[in-house]
Amino acid sequence: MAKQIYILEDDEDIRFIVSYILNEIGYEVTEAETLKQFHQQLETGLPDLMLLDIMLPDGNGLELCEELKKDPAISHIPIIMMSAHAAQEFVQEKACAQDFISKPFDLDNLTNMIRKYLPN
């Protein structure tokens, strides 16, 4: 069974490209563009990895990351944060995500990072 990745990204183009590439290399992808949609998806099941944007129209991905890592049922799931605005050092200070990728990003770098946490 394919590993499941949840993507929370408000930019439709980025969400489409990342989802397409991850599907092509064998992952199942579930997309959300808002925190509300993301929380609804978590109610239906848990992913193997989460890819979260920081700046969202209805909230903050870092706050979501901190919330997820406090939940014992979810805290084991790797989280990769992505942002065009936040610095990697700032994200790592929060110590909630396993990794960070800065936008714009190279798709090979992103897929290699995901494979680091979800080897096929």
PDB file of N, CA and C in Angstrom:
ATOM      1  N   MET A   1       0.833  -1.182   0.000  1.00  0.00           N
ATOM      2  CA  MET A   1       0.000   0.000   0.000  1.00  0.00           C
ATOM      3  C   MET A   1       0.881   1.249   0.000  1.00  0.00           C
ATOM      4  N   ALA A   2       0.507   2.230  -0.795  1.00  0.00           N
ATOM      5  CA  ALA A   2       1.287   3.460  -0.927  1.00  0.00           C
ATOM      6  C   ALA A   2       1.223   4.284   0.359  1.00  0.00           C
ATOM      7  N   LYS A   3       2.315   4.950   0.654  1.00  0.00           N
ATOM      8  CA  LYS A   3       2.366   5.847   1.807  1.00  0.00           C
ATOM      9  C   LYS A   3       1.516   7.080   1.514  1.00  0.00           C
ATOM     10  N   GLN A   4       0.852   7.583   2.556  1.00  0.00           N
ATOM     11  CA  GLN A   4      -0.083   8.710   2.436  1.00  0.00           C
ATOM     12  C   GLN A   4       0.585   9.996   2.902  1.00  0.00           C
ATOM     13  N   ILE A   5       0.488  11.045   2.074  1.00  0.00           N
ATOM     14  CA  ILE A   5       1.022  12.362   2.410  1.00  0.00           C
ATOM     15  C   ILE A   5      -0.123  13.366   2.363  1.00  0.00           C
ATOM     16  N   TYR A   6      -0.237  14.163   3.419  1.00  0.00           N
ATOM     17  CA  TYR A   6      -1.202  15.263   3.429  1.00  0.00           C
ATOM     18  C   TYR A   6      -0.430  16.548   3.117  1.00  0.00           C
ATOM     19  N   ILE A   7      -0.956  17.312   2.169  1.00  0.00           N
ATOM     20  CA  ILE A   7      -0.356  18.592   1.799  1.00  0.00           C
ATOM     21  C   ILE A   7      -1.318  19.705   2.198  1.00  0.00           C
ATOM     22  N   LEU A   8      -0.834  20.657   2.978  1.00  0.00           N
ATOM     23  CA  LEU A   8      -1.595  21.855   3.323  1.00  0.00           C
ATOM     24  C   LEU A   8      -0.874  23.032   2.694  1.00  0.00           C
ATOM     25  N   GLU A   9      -1.441  23.525   1.610  1.00  0.00           N
ATOM     26  CA  GLU A   9      -0.820  24.598   0.814  1.00  0.00           C
ATOM     27  C   GLU A   9      -1.935  25.415   0.182  1.00  0.00           C
ATOM     28  N   ASP A  10      -1.921  26.727   0.407  1.00  0.00           N
ATOM     29  CA  ASP A  10      -2.997  27.560  -0.137  1.00  0.00           C
ATOM     30  C   ASP A  10      -2.779  27.964  -1.594  1.00  0.00           C
ATOM     31  N   ASP A  11      -1.566  27.876  -2.092  1.00  0.00           N
ATOM     32  CA  ASP A  11      -1.299  28.215  -3.490  1.00  0.00           C
ATOM     33  C   ASP A  11      -1.667  27.022  -4.378  1.00  0.00           C
ATOM     34  N   GLU A  12      -2.680  27.205  -5.200  1.00  0.00           N
ATOM     35  CA  GLU A  12      -3.202  26.117  -6.028  1.00  0.00           C
ATOM     36  C   GLU A  12      -2.147  25.526  -6.957  1.00  0.00           C
ATOM     37  N   ASP A  13      -1.324  26.369  -7.560  1.00  0.00           N
ATOM     38  CA  ASP A  13      -0.302  25.880  -8.490  1.00  0.00           C
ATOM     39  C   ASP A  13       0.745  25.023  -7.781  1.00  0.00           C
ATOM     40  N   ILE A  14       1.220  25.482  -6.642  1.00  0.00           N
ATOM     41  CA  ILE A  14       2.212  24.708  -5.890  1.00  0.00           C
ATOM     42  C   ILE A  14       1.602  23.389  -5.438  1.00  0.00           C
ATOM     43  N   ARG A  15       0.378  23.459  -4.916  1.00  0.00           N
ATOM     44  CA  ARG A  15      -0.311  22.250  -4.453  1.00  0.00           C
ATOM     45  C   ARG A  15      -0.463  21.244  -5.589  1.00  0.00           C
ATOM     46  N   PHE A  16      -0.843  21.717  -6.774  1.00  0.00           N
ATOM     47  CA  PHE A  16      -1.031  20.836  -7.927  1.00  0.00           C
ATOM     48  C   PHE A  16       0.285  20.171  -8.334  1.00  0.00           C
ATOM     49  N   ILE A  17       1.335  20.961  -8.457  1.00  0.00           N
ATOM     50  CA  ILE A  17       2.627  20.425  -8.913  1.00  0.00           C
ATOM     51  C   ILE A  17       3.190  19.420  -7.913  1.00  0.00           C
ATOM     52  N   VAL A  18       3.181  19.773  -6.637  1.00  0.00           N
ATOM     53  CA  VAL A  18       3.715  18.872  -5.619  1.00  0.00           C
ATOM     54  C   VAL A  18       2.897  17.584  -5.576  1.00  0.00           C
ATOM     55  N   SER A  19       1.584  17.719  -5.602  1.00  0.00           N
ATOM     56  CA  SER A  19       0.713  16.543  -5.588  1.00  0.00           C
ATOM     57  C   SER A  19       0.967  15.658  -6.803  1.00  0.00           C
ATOM     58  N   TYR A  20       1.080  16.255  -7.962  1.00  0.00           N
ATOM     59  CA  TYR A  20       1.314  15.512  -9.195  1.00  0.00           C
ATOM     60  C   TYR A  20       2.630  14.724  -9.119  1.00  0.00           C
ATOM     61  N   ILE A  21       3.695  15.391  -8.717  1.00  0.00           N
ATOM     62  CA  ILE A  21       5.013  14.750  -8.640  1.00  0.00           C
ATOM     63  C   ILE A  21       4.992  13.611  -7.618  1.00  0.00           C
ATOM     64  N   LEU A  22       4.401  13.847  -6.466  1.00  0.00           N
ATOM     65  CA  LEU A  22       4.373  12.805  -5.435  1.00  0.00           C
ATOM     66  C   LEU A  22       3.530  11.612  -5.865  1.00  0.00           C
ATOM     67  N   ASN A  23       2.440  11.865  -6.554  1.00  0.00           N
ATOM     68  CA  ASN A  23       1.635  10.767  -7.103  1.00  0.00           C
ATOM     69  C   ASN A  23       2.456   9.967  -8.113  1.00  0.00           C
ATOM     70  N   GLU A  24       3.197  10.659  -8.947  1.00  0.00           N
ATOM     71  CA  GLU A  24       3.997  10.005  -9.983  1.00  0.00           C
ATOM     72  C   GLU A  24       5.070   9.091  -9.409  1.00  0.00           C
ATOM     73  N   ILE A  25       5.587   9.423  -8.234  1.00  0.00           N
ATOM     74  CA  ILE A  25       6.638   8.581  -7.647  1.00  0.00           C
ATOM     75  C   ILE A  25       6.071   7.579  -6.632  1.00  0.00           C
ATOM     76  N   GLY A  26       4.749   7.463  -6.591  1.00  0.00           N
ATOM     77  CA  GLY A  26       4.148   6.373  -5.843  1.00  0.00           C
ATOM     78  C   GLY A  26       3.501   6.674  -4.511  1.00  0.00           C
ATOM     79  N   TYR A  27       3.353   7.943  -4.169  1.00  0.00           N
ATOM     80  CA  TYR A  27       2.697   8.283  -2.909  1.00  0.00           C
ATOM     81  C   TYR A  27       1.223   8.602  -3.159  1.00  0.00           C
ATOM     82  N   GLU A  28       0.393   8.340  -2.156  1.00  0.00           N
ATOM     83  CA  GLU A  28      -1.005   8.787  -2.165  1.00  0.00           C
ATOM     84  C   GLU A  28      -1.003  10.183  -1.555  1.00  0.00           C
ATOM     85  N   VAL A  29      -1.701  11.116  -2.178  1.00  0.00           N
ATOM     86  CA  VAL A  29      -1.680  12.498  -1.711  1.00  0.00           C
ATOM     87  C   VAL A  29      -3.094  12.986  -1.450  1.00  0.00           C
ATOM     88  N   THR A  30      -3.255  13.654  -0.323  1.00  0.00           N
ATOM     89  CA  THR A  30      -4.501  14.320   0.014  1.00  0.00           C
ATOM     90  C   THR A  30      -4.168  15.790   0.183  1.00  0.00           C
ATOM     91  N   GLU A  31      -4.952  16.650  -0.456  1.00  0.00           N
ATOM     92  CA  GLU A  31      -4.665  18.081  -0.466  1.00  0.00           C
ATOM     93  C   GLU A  31      -5.664  18.868   0.367  1.00  0.00           C
ATOM     94  N   ALA A  32      -5.168  19.962   0.931  1.00  0.00           N
ATOM     95  CA  ALA A  32      -6.021  20.934   1.615  1.00  0.00           C
ATOM     96  C   ALA A  32      -5.445  22.317   1.353  1.00  0.00           C
ATOM     97  N   GLU A  33      -6.336  23.297   1.240  1.00  0.00           N
ATOM     98  CA  GLU A  33      -5.847  24.669   1.064  1.00  0.00           C
ATOM     99  C   GLU A  33      -6.104  25.542   2.283  1.00  0.00           C
ATOM    100  N   THR A  34      -6.846  25.009   3.259  1.00  0.00           N
ATOM    101  CA  THR A  34      -7.119  25.752   4.489  1.00  0.00           C
ATOM    102  C   THR A  34      -6.943  24.846   5.699  1.00  0.00           C
ATOM    103  N   LEU A  35      -6.768  25.470   6.865  1.00  0.00           N
ATOM    104  CA  LEU A  35      -6.675  24.700   8.101  1.00  0.00           C
ATOM    105  C   LEU A  35      -7.959  23.909   8.341  1.00  0.00           C
ATOM    106  N   LYS A  36      -9.078  24.522   8.036  1.00  0.00           N
ATOM    107  CA  LYS A  36     -10.362  23.849   8.229  1.00  0.00           C
ATOM    108  C   LYS A  36     -10.416  22.548   7.417  1.00  0.00           C
ATOM    109  N   GLN A  37     -10.052  22.610   6.147  1.00  0.00           N
ATOM    110  CA  GLN A  37     -10.046  21.405   5.313  1.00  0.00           C
ATOM    111  C   GLN A  37      -9.062  20.369   5.856  1.00  0.00           C
ATOM    112  N   PHE A  38      -7.905  20.829   6.290  1.00  0.00           N
ATOM    113  CA  PHE A  38      -6.881  19.930   6.818  1.00  0.00           C
ATOM    114  C   PHE A  38      -7.395  19.176   8.043  1.00  0.00           C
ATOM    115  N   HIS A  39      -8.029  19.899   8.977  1.00  0.00           N
ATOM    116  CA  HIS A  39      -8.573  19.257  10.175  1.00  0.00           C
ATOM    117  C   HIS A  39      -9.654  18.241   9.820  1.00  0.00           C
ATOM    118  N   GLN A  40     -10.460  18.547   8.809  1.00  0.00           N
ATOM    119  CA  GLN A  40     -11.486  17.601   8.364  1.00  0.00           C
ATOM    120  C   GLN A  40     -10.836  16.324   7.836  1.00  0.00           C
ATOM    121  N   GLN A  41      -9.738  16.458   7.127  1.00  0.00           N
ATOM    122  CA  GLN A  41      -9.038  15.286   6.589  1.00  0.00           C
ATOM    123  C   GLN A  41      -8.452  14.439   7.708  1.00  0.00           C
ATOM    124  N   LEU A  42      -7.935  15.084   8.742  1.00  0.00           N
ATOM    125  CA  LEU A  42      -7.369  14.335   9.867  1.00  0.00           C
ATOM    126  C   LEU A  42      -8.435  13.489  10.559  1.00  0.00           C
ATOM    127  N   GLU A  43      -9.677  13.926  10.490  1.00  0.00           N
ATOM    128  CA  GLU A  43     -10.768  13.168  11.105  1.00  0.00           C
ATOM    129  C   GLU A  43     -11.048  11.873  10.344  1.00  0.00           C
ATOM    130  N   THR A  44     -10.659  11.806   9.076  1.00  0.00           N
ATOM    131  CA  THR A  44     -10.926  10.611   8.269  1.00  0.00           C
ATOM    132  C   THR A  44      -9.777   9.601   8.330  1.00  0.00           C
ATOM    133  N   GLY A  45      -8.625  10.024   8.791  1.00  0.00           N
ATOM    134  CA  GLY A  45      -7.475   9.125   8.886  1.00  0.00           C
ATOM    135  C   GLY A  45      -6.183   9.902   8.988  1.00  0.00           C
ATOM    136  N   LEU A  46      -5.127   9.214   9.382  1.00  0.00           N
ATOM    137  CA  LEU A  46      -3.831   9.865   9.562  1.00  0.00           C
ATOM    138  C   LEU A  46      -2.888   9.522   8.416  1.00  0.00           C
ATOM    139  N   PRO A  47      -2.093  10.512   7.990  1.00  0.00           N
ATOM    140  CA  PRO A  47      -1.115  10.270   6.924  1.00  0.00           C
ATOM    141  C   PRO A  47       0.174   9.689   7.483  1.00  0.00           C
ATOM    142  N   ASP A  48       1.086   9.358   6.575  1.00  0.00           N
ATOM    143  CA  ASP A  48       2.422   8.919   6.962  1.00  0.00           C
ATOM    144  C   ASP A  48       3.385  10.089   7.067  1.00  0.00           C
ATOM    145  N   LEU A  49       3.032  11.220   6.437  1.00  0.00           N
ATOM    146  CA  LEU A  49       3.862  12.427   6.448  1.00  0.00           C
ATOM    147  C   LEU A  49       2.960  13.613   6.136  1.00  0.00           C
ATOM    148  N   MET A  50       3.304  14.780   6.706  1.00  0.00           N
ATOM    149  CA  MET A  50       2.556  16.013   6.431  1.00  0.00           C
ATOM    150  C   MET A  50       3.504  17.075   5.886  1.00  0.00           C
ATOM    151  N   LEU A  51       3.059  17.738   4.847  1.00  0.00           N
ATOM    152  CA  LEU A  51       3.790  18.828   4.220  1.00  0.00           C
ATOM    153  C   LEU A  51       2.946  20.080   4.435  1.00  0.00           C
ATOM    154  N   LEU A  52       3.422  20.998   5.274  1.00  0.00           N
ATOM    155  CA  LEU A  52       2.612  22.137   5.694  1.00  0.00           C
ATOM    156  C   LEU A  52       3.228  23.465   5.297  1.00  0.00           C
ATOM    157  N   ASP A  53       2.413  24.309   4.689  1.00  0.00           N
ATOM    158  CA  ASP A  53       2.805  25.694   4.422  1.00  0.00           C
ATOM    159  C   ASP A  53       2.674  26.465   5.733  1.00  0.00           C
ATOM    160  N   ILE A  54       3.416  27.540   5.863  1.00  0.00           N
ATOM    161  CA  ILE A  54       3.353  28.330   7.096  1.00  0.00           C
ATOM    162  C   ILE A  54       2.278  29.405   7.000  1.00  0.00           C
ATOM    163  N   MET A  55       2.276  30.182   5.931  1.00  0.00           N
ATOM    164  CA  MET A  55       1.304  31.267   5.799  1.00  0.00           C
ATOM    165  C   MET A  55       0.058  30.755   5.084  1.00  0.00           C
ATOM    166  N   LEU A  56      -1.052  30.749   5.815  1.00  0.00           N
ATOM    167  CA  LEU A  56      -2.307  30.230   5.292  1.00  0.00           C
ATOM    168  C   LEU A  56      -3.406  31.276   5.431  1.00  0.00           C
ATOM    169  N   PRO A  57      -4.446  31.198   4.614  1.00  0.00           N
ATOM    170  CA  PRO A  57      -5.494  32.215   4.666  1.00  0.00           C
ATOM    171  C   PRO A  57      -6.279  32.210   5.978  1.00  0.00           C
ATOM    172  N   ASP A  58      -6.328  31.070   6.657  1.00  0.00           N
ATOM    173  CA  ASP A  58      -7.127  30.991   7.882  1.00  0.00           C
ATOM    174  C   ASP A  58      -6.311  30.576   9.105  1.00  0.00           C
ATOM    175  N   GLY A  59      -5.006  30.801   9.043  1.00  0.00           N
ATOM    176  CA  GLY A  59      -4.198  30.462  10.204  1.00  0.00           C
ATOM    177  C   GLY A  59      -2.726  30.385   9.891  1.00  0.00           C
ATOM    178  N   ASN A  60      -2.008  29.744  10.803  1.00  0.00           N
ATOM    179  CA  ASN A  60      -0.554  29.683  10.729  1.00  0.00           C
ATOM    180  C   ASN A  60      -0.109  28.221  10.804  1.00  0.00           C
ATOM    181  N   GLY A  61       0.670  27.797   9.830  1.00  0.00           N
ATOM    182  CA  GLY A  61       1.138  26.418   9.779  1.00  0.00           C
ATOM    183  C   GLY A  61       2.052  26.045  10.926  1.00  0.00           C
ATOM    184  N   LEU A  62       2.826  27.006  11.450  1.00  0.00           N
ATOM    185  CA  LEU A  62       3.694  26.713  12.597  1.00  0.00           C
ATOM    186  C   LEU A  62       2.877  26.412  13.843  1.00  0.00           C
ATOM    187  N   GLU A  63       1.813  27.176  14.042  1.00  0.00           N
ATOM    188  CA  GLU A  63       0.945  26.911  15.185  1.00  0.00           C
ATOM    189  C   GLU A  63       0.273  25.546  15.035  1.00  0.00           C
ATOM    190  N   LEU A  64      -0.118  25.208  13.808  1.00  0.00           N
ATOM    191  CA  LEU A  64      -0.698  23.896  13.550  1.00  0.00           C
ATOM    192  C   LEU A  64       0.326  22.805  13.858  1.00  0.00           C
ATOM    193  N   CYS A  65       1.545  23.000  13.427  1.00  0.00           N
ATOM    194  CA  CYS A  65       2.613  22.028  13.670  1.00  0.00           C
ATOM    195  C   CYS A  65       2.800  21.800  15.172  1.00  0.00           C
ATOM    196  N   GLU A  66       2.849  22.871  15.934  1.00  0.00           N
ATOM    197  CA  GLU A  66       3.003  22.745  17.383  1.00  0.00           C
ATOM    198  C   GLU A  66       1.825  21.988  17.989  1.00  0.00           C
ATOM    199  N   GLU A  67       0.631  22.287  17.514  1.00  0.00           N
ATOM    200  CA  GLU A  67      -0.580  21.608  17.986  1.00  0.00           C
ATOM    201  C   GLU A  67      -0.522  20.113  17.673  1.00  0.00           C
ATOM    202  N   LEU A  68      -0.113  19.771  16.458  1.00  0.00           N
ATOM    203  CA  LEU A  68      -0.045  18.368  16.054  1.00  0.00           C
ATOM    204  C   LEU A  68       0.978  17.592  16.868  1.00  0.00           C
ATOM    205  N   LYS A  69       2.106  18.217  17.158  1.00  0.00           N
ATOM    206  CA  LYS A  69       3.168  17.531  17.891  1.00  0.00           C
ATOM    207  C   LYS A  69       2.822  17.336  19.369  1.00  0.00           C
ATOM    208  N   LYS A  70       1.815  18.044  19.875  1.00  0.00           N
ATOM    209  CA  LYS A  70       1.364  17.851  21.261  1.00  0.00           C
ATOM    210  C   LYS A  70       0.358  16.713  21.379  1.00  0.00           C
ATOM    211  N   ASP A  71      -0.168  16.251  20.253  1.00  0.00           N
ATOM    212  CA  ASP A  71      -1.171  15.190  20.244  1.00  0.00           C
ATOM    213  C   ASP A  71      -0.462  13.835  20.155  1.00  0.00           C
ATOM    214  N   PRO A  72      -0.560  13.003  21.192  1.00  0.00           N
ATOM    215  CA  PRO A  72       0.149  11.720  21.193  1.00  0.00           C
ATOM    216  C   PRO A  72      -0.231  10.797  20.030  1.00  0.00           C
ATOM    217  N   ALA A  73      -1.437  10.946  19.512  1.00  0.00           N
ATOM    218  CA  ALA A  73      -1.869  10.103  18.396  1.00  0.00           C
ATOM    219  C   ALA A  73      -1.241  10.519  17.076  1.00  0.00           C
ATOM    220  N   ILE A  74      -0.699  11.742  17.033  1.00  0.00           N
ATOM    221  CA  ILE A  74      -0.178  12.304  15.782  1.00  0.00           C
ATOM    222  C   ILE A  74       1.311  12.632  15.866  1.00  0.00           C
ATOM    223  N   SER A  75       1.835  12.801  17.054  1.00  0.00           N
ATOM    224  CA  SER A  75       3.182  13.358  17.231  1.00  0.00           C
ATOM    225  C   SER A  75       4.293  12.573  16.539  1.00  0.00           C
ATOM    226  N   HIS A  76       4.073  11.307  16.238  1.00  0.00           N
ATOM    227  CA  HIS A  76       5.096  10.483  15.588  1.00  0.00           C
ATOM    228  C   HIS A  76       5.195  10.721  14.083  1.00  0.00           C
ATOM    229  N   ILE A  77       4.216  11.412  13.498  1.00  0.00           N
ATOM    230  CA  ILE A  77       4.164  11.611  12.052  1.00  0.00           C
ATOM    231  C   ILE A  77       5.134  12.721  11.646  1.00  0.00           C
ATOM    232  N   PRO A  78       6.042  12.449  10.702  1.00  0.00           N
ATOM    233  CA  PRO A  78       6.978  13.495  10.258  1.00  0.00           C
ATOM    234  C   PRO A  78       6.238  14.665   9.609  1.00  0.00           C
ATOM    235  N   ILE A  79       6.730  15.862   9.909  1.00  0.00           N
ATOM    236  CA  ILE A  79       6.185  17.091   9.328  1.00  0.00           C
ATOM    237  C   ILE A  79       7.312  17.840   8.648  1.00  0.00           C
ATOM    238  N   ILE A  80       7.063  18.246   7.404  1.00  0.00           N
ATOM    239  CA  ILE A  80       7.985  19.116   6.676  1.00  0.00           C
ATOM    240  C   ILE A  80       7.268  20.438   6.464  1.00  0.00           C
ATOM    241  N   MET A  81       7.873  21.508   6.948  1.00  0.00           N
ATOM    242  CA  MET A  81       7.307  22.843   6.774  1.00  0.00           C
ATOM    243  C   MET A  81       7.878  23.447   5.499  1.00  0.00           C
ATOM    244  N   MET A  82       7.077  24.288   4.837  1.00  0.00           N
ATOM    245  CA  MET A  82       7.569  24.988   3.656  1.00  0.00           C
ATOM    246  C   MET A  82       7.074  26.426   3.696  1.00  0.00           C
ATOM    247  N   SER A  83       7.945  27.333   3.248  1.00  0.00           N
ATOM    248  CA  SER A  83       7.580  28.743   3.268  1.00  0.00           C
ATOM    249  C   SER A  83       8.508  29.554   2.375  1.00  0.00           C
ATOM    250  N   ALA A  84       7.942  30.605   1.814  1.00  0.00           N
ATOM    251  CA  ALA A  84       8.740  31.568   1.062  1.00  0.00           C
ATOM    252  C   ALA A  84       9.162  32.714   1.973  1.00  0.00           C
ATOM    253  N   HIS A  85       8.570  32.786   3.156  1.00  0.00           N
ATOM    254  CA  HIS A  85       8.781  33.951   4.015  1.00  0.00           C
ATOM    255  C   HIS A  85       9.544  33.646   5.300  1.00  0.00           C
ATOM    256  N   ALA A  86       9.335  32.503   5.882  1.00  0.00           N
ATOM    257  CA  ALA A  86       9.984  32.173   7.156  1.00  0.00           C
ATOM    258  C   ALA A  86      11.396  31.644   6.908  1.00  0.00           C
ATOM    259  N   ALA A  87      12.256  31.916   7.838  1.00  0.00           N
ATOM    260  CA  ALA A  87      13.630  31.420   7.759  1.00  0.00           C
ATOM    261  C   ALA A  87      13.715  30.047   8.407  1.00  0.00           C
ATOM    262  N   GLN A  88      14.586  29.211   7.879  1.00  0.00           N
ATOM    263  CA  GLN A  88      14.756  27.857   8.395  1.00  0.00           C
ATOM    264  C   GLN A  88      15.108  27.878   9.885  1.00  0.00           C
ATOM    265  N   GLU A  89      15.952  28.808  10.295  1.00  0.00           N
ATOM    266  CA  GLU A  89      16.366  28.885  11.695  1.00  0.00           C
ATOM    267  C   GLU A  89      15.164  29.147  12.595  1.00  0.00           C
ATOM    268  N   PHE A  90      14.261  30.015  12.140  1.00  0.00           N
ATOM    269  CA  PHE A  90      13.066  30.329  12.926  1.00  0.00           C
ATOM    270  C   PHE A  90      12.184  29.090  13.083  1.00  0.00           C
ATOM    271  N   VAL A  91      12.010  28.355  12.003  1.00  0.00           N
ATOM    272  CA  VAL A  91      11.187  27.147  12.034  1.00  0.00           C
ATOM    273  C   VAL A  91      11.826  26.109  12.945  1.00  0.00           C
ATOM    274  N   GLN A  92      13.135  25.951  12.860  1.00  0.00           N
ATOM    275  CA  GLN A  92      13.819  24.969  13.697  1.00  0.00           C
ATOM    276  C   GLN A  92      13.789  25.359  15.172  1.00  0.00           C
ATOM    277  N   GLU A  93      13.752  26.671  15.462  1.00  0.00           N
ATOM    278  CA  GLU A  93      13.628  27.122  16.851  1.00  0.00           C
ATOM    279  C   GLU A  93      12.322  26.622  17.457  1.00  0.00           C
ATOM    280  N   LYS A  94      11.278  26.584  16.642  1.00  0.00           N
ATOM    281  CA  LYS A  94       9.982  26.101  17.117  1.00  0.00           C
ATOM    282  C   LYS A  94      10.037  24.609  17.424  1.00  0.00           C
ATOM    283  N   ALA A  95      10.972  23.914  16.782  1.00  0.00           N
ATOM    284  CA  ALA A  95      11.258  22.500  17.038  1.00  0.00           C
ATOM    285  C   ALA A  95      10.041  21.588  16.911  1.00  0.00           C
ATOM    286  N   CYS A  96       9.136  21.927  16.022  1.00  0.00           N
ATOM    287  CA  CYS A  96       7.987  21.039  15.851  1.00  0.00           C
ATOM    288  C   CYS A  96       8.122  20.194  14.594  1.00  0.00           C
ATOM    289  N   ALA A  97       8.753  20.710  13.564  1.00  0.00           N
ATOM    290  CA  ALA A  97       8.857  19.992  12.294  1.00  0.00           C
ATOM    291  C   ALA A  97      10.176  19.219  12.211  1.00  0.00           C
ATOM    292  N   GLN A  98      10.138  18.134  11.464  1.00  0.00           N
ATOM    293  CA  GLN A  98      11.359  17.364  11.240  1.00  0.00           C
ATOM    294  C   GLN A  98      12.265  18.055  10.227  1.00  0.00           C
ATOM    295  N   ASP A  99      11.651  18.833   9.317  1.00  0.00           N
ATOM    296  CA  ASP A  99      12.462  19.464   8.280  1.00  0.00           C
ATOM    297  C   ASP A  99      11.760  20.702   7.750  1.00  0.00           C
ATOM    298  N   PHE A 100      12.494  21.453   6.921  1.00  0.00           N
ATOM    299  CA  PHE A 100      11.994  22.706   6.348  1.00  0.00           C
ATOM    300  C   PHE A 100      12.531  22.822   4.926  1.00  0.00           C
ATOM    301  N   ILE A 101      11.678  23.307   4.039  1.00  0.00           N
ATOM    302  CA  ILE A 101      12.121  23.607   2.681  1.00  0.00           C
ATOM    303  C   ILE A 101      11.623  25.002   2.313  1.00  0.00           C
ATOM    304  N   SER A 102      12.517  25.789   1.749  1.00  0.00           N
ATOM    305  CA  SER A 102      12.201  27.166   1.388  1.00  0.00           C
ATOM    306  C   SER A 102      11.657  27.228  -0.033  1.00  0.00           C
ATOM    307  N   LYS A 103      10.600  28.023  -0.219  1.00  0.00           N
ATOM    308  CA  LYS A 103      10.036  28.237  -1.551  1.00  0.00           C
ATOM    309  C   LYS A 103      10.742  29.429  -2.186  1.00  0.00           C
ATOM    310  N   PRO A 104      10.945  29.410  -3.469  1.00  0.00           N
ATOM    311  CA  PRO A 104      10.674  28.308  -4.385  1.00  0.00           C
ATOM    312  C   PRO A 104      11.681  27.197  -4.150  1.00  0.00           C
ATOM    313  N   PHE A 105      11.249  25.960  -4.338  1.00  0.00           N
ATOM    314  CA  PHE A 105      12.125  24.833  -4.084  1.00  0.00           C
ATOM    315  C   PHE A 105      12.292  23.990  -5.338  1.00  0.00           C
ATOM    316  N   ASP A 106      13.389  23.281  -5.353  1.00  0.00           N
ATOM    317  CA  ASP A 106      13.674  22.333  -6.419  1.00  0.00           C
ATOM    318  C   ASP A 106      12.894  21.057  -6.107  1.00  0.00           C
ATOM    319  N   LEU A 107      12.145  20.550  -7.078  1.00  0.00           N
ATOM    320  CA  LEU A 107      11.317  19.364  -6.843  1.00  0.00           C
ATOM    321  C   LEU A 107      12.140  18.143  -6.476  1.00  0.00           C
ATOM    322  N   ASP A 108      13.334  18.018  -7.020  1.00  0.00           N
ATOM    323  CA  ASP A 108      14.203  16.904  -6.644  1.00  0.00           C
ATOM    324  C   ASP A 108      14.592  16.990  -5.169  1.00  0.00           C
ATOM    325  N   ASN A 109      14.885  18.197  -4.702  1.00  0.00           N
ATOM    326  CA  ASN A 109      15.218  18.370  -3.280  1.00  0.00           C
ATOM    327  C   ASN A 109      14.029  17.987  -2.401  1.00  0.00           C
ATOM    328  N   LEU A 110      12.833  18.400  -2.816  1.00  0.00           N
ATOM    329  CA  LEU A 110      11.640  18.071  -2.049  1.00  0.00           C
ATOM    330  C   LEU A 110      11.407  16.560  -2.014  1.00  0.00           C
ATOM    331  N   THR A 111      11.471  15.917  -3.160  1.00  0.00           N
ATOM    332  CA  THR A 111      11.222  14.466  -3.188  1.00  0.00           C
ATOM    333  C   THR A 111      12.297  13.706  -2.412  1.00  0.00           C
ATOM    334  N   ASN A 112      13.546  14.153  -2.482  1.00  0.00           N
ATOM    335  CA  ASN A 112      14.611  13.511  -1.696  1.00  0.00           C
ATOM    336  C   ASN A 112      14.364  13.669  -0.199  1.00  0.00           C
ATOM    337  N   MET A 113      13.890  14.844   0.197  1.00  0.00           N
ATOM    338  CA  MET A 113      13.588  15.090   1.599  1.00  0.00           C
ATOM    339  C   MET A 113      12.448  14.173   2.060  1.00  0.00           C
ATOM    340  N   ILE A 114      11.418  14.042   1.254  1.00  0.00           N
ATOM    341  CA  ILE A 114      10.291  13.183   1.600  1.00  0.00           C
ATOM    342  C   ILE A 114      10.733  11.723   1.669  1.00  0.00           C
ATOM    343  N   ARG A 115      11.556  11.296   0.728  1.00  0.00           N
ATOM    344  CA  ARG A 115      12.056   9.916   0.746  1.00  0.00           C
ATOM    345  C   ARG A 115      12.914   9.625   1.974  1.00  0.00           C
ATOM    346  N   LYS A 116      13.537  10.664   2.519  1.00  0.00           N
ATOM    347  CA  LYS A 116      14.336  10.504   3.729  1.00  0.00           C
ATOM    348  C   LYS A 116      13.435  10.037   4.886  1.00  0.00           C
ATOM    349  N   TYR A 117      12.202  10.532   4.920  1.00  0.00           N
ATOM    350  CA  TYR A 117      11.267  10.174   5.996  1.00  0.00           C
ATOM    351  C   TYR A 117      10.334   9.039   5.612  1.00  0.00           C
ATOM    352  N   LEU A 118      10.120   8.841   4.314  1.00  0.00           N
ATOM    353  CA  LEU A 118       9.230   7.778   3.832  1.00  0.00           C
ATOM    354  C   LEU A 118       9.916   6.980   2.735  1.00  0.00           C
ATOM    355  N   PRO A 119      10.893   6.178   3.088  1.00  0.00           N
ATOM    356  CA  PRO A 119      11.553   5.388   2.044  1.00  0.00           C
ATOM    357  C   PRO A 119      10.574   4.390   1.428  1.00  0.00           C
ATOM    358  N   ASN A 120      10.722   4.179   0.130  1.00  0.00           N
ATOM    359  CA  ASN A 120       9.817   3.231  -0.568  1.00  0.00           C
ATOM    360  C   ASN A 120      10.182   1.806  -0.258  1.00  0.00           C
TER     361      ASN A 120
END
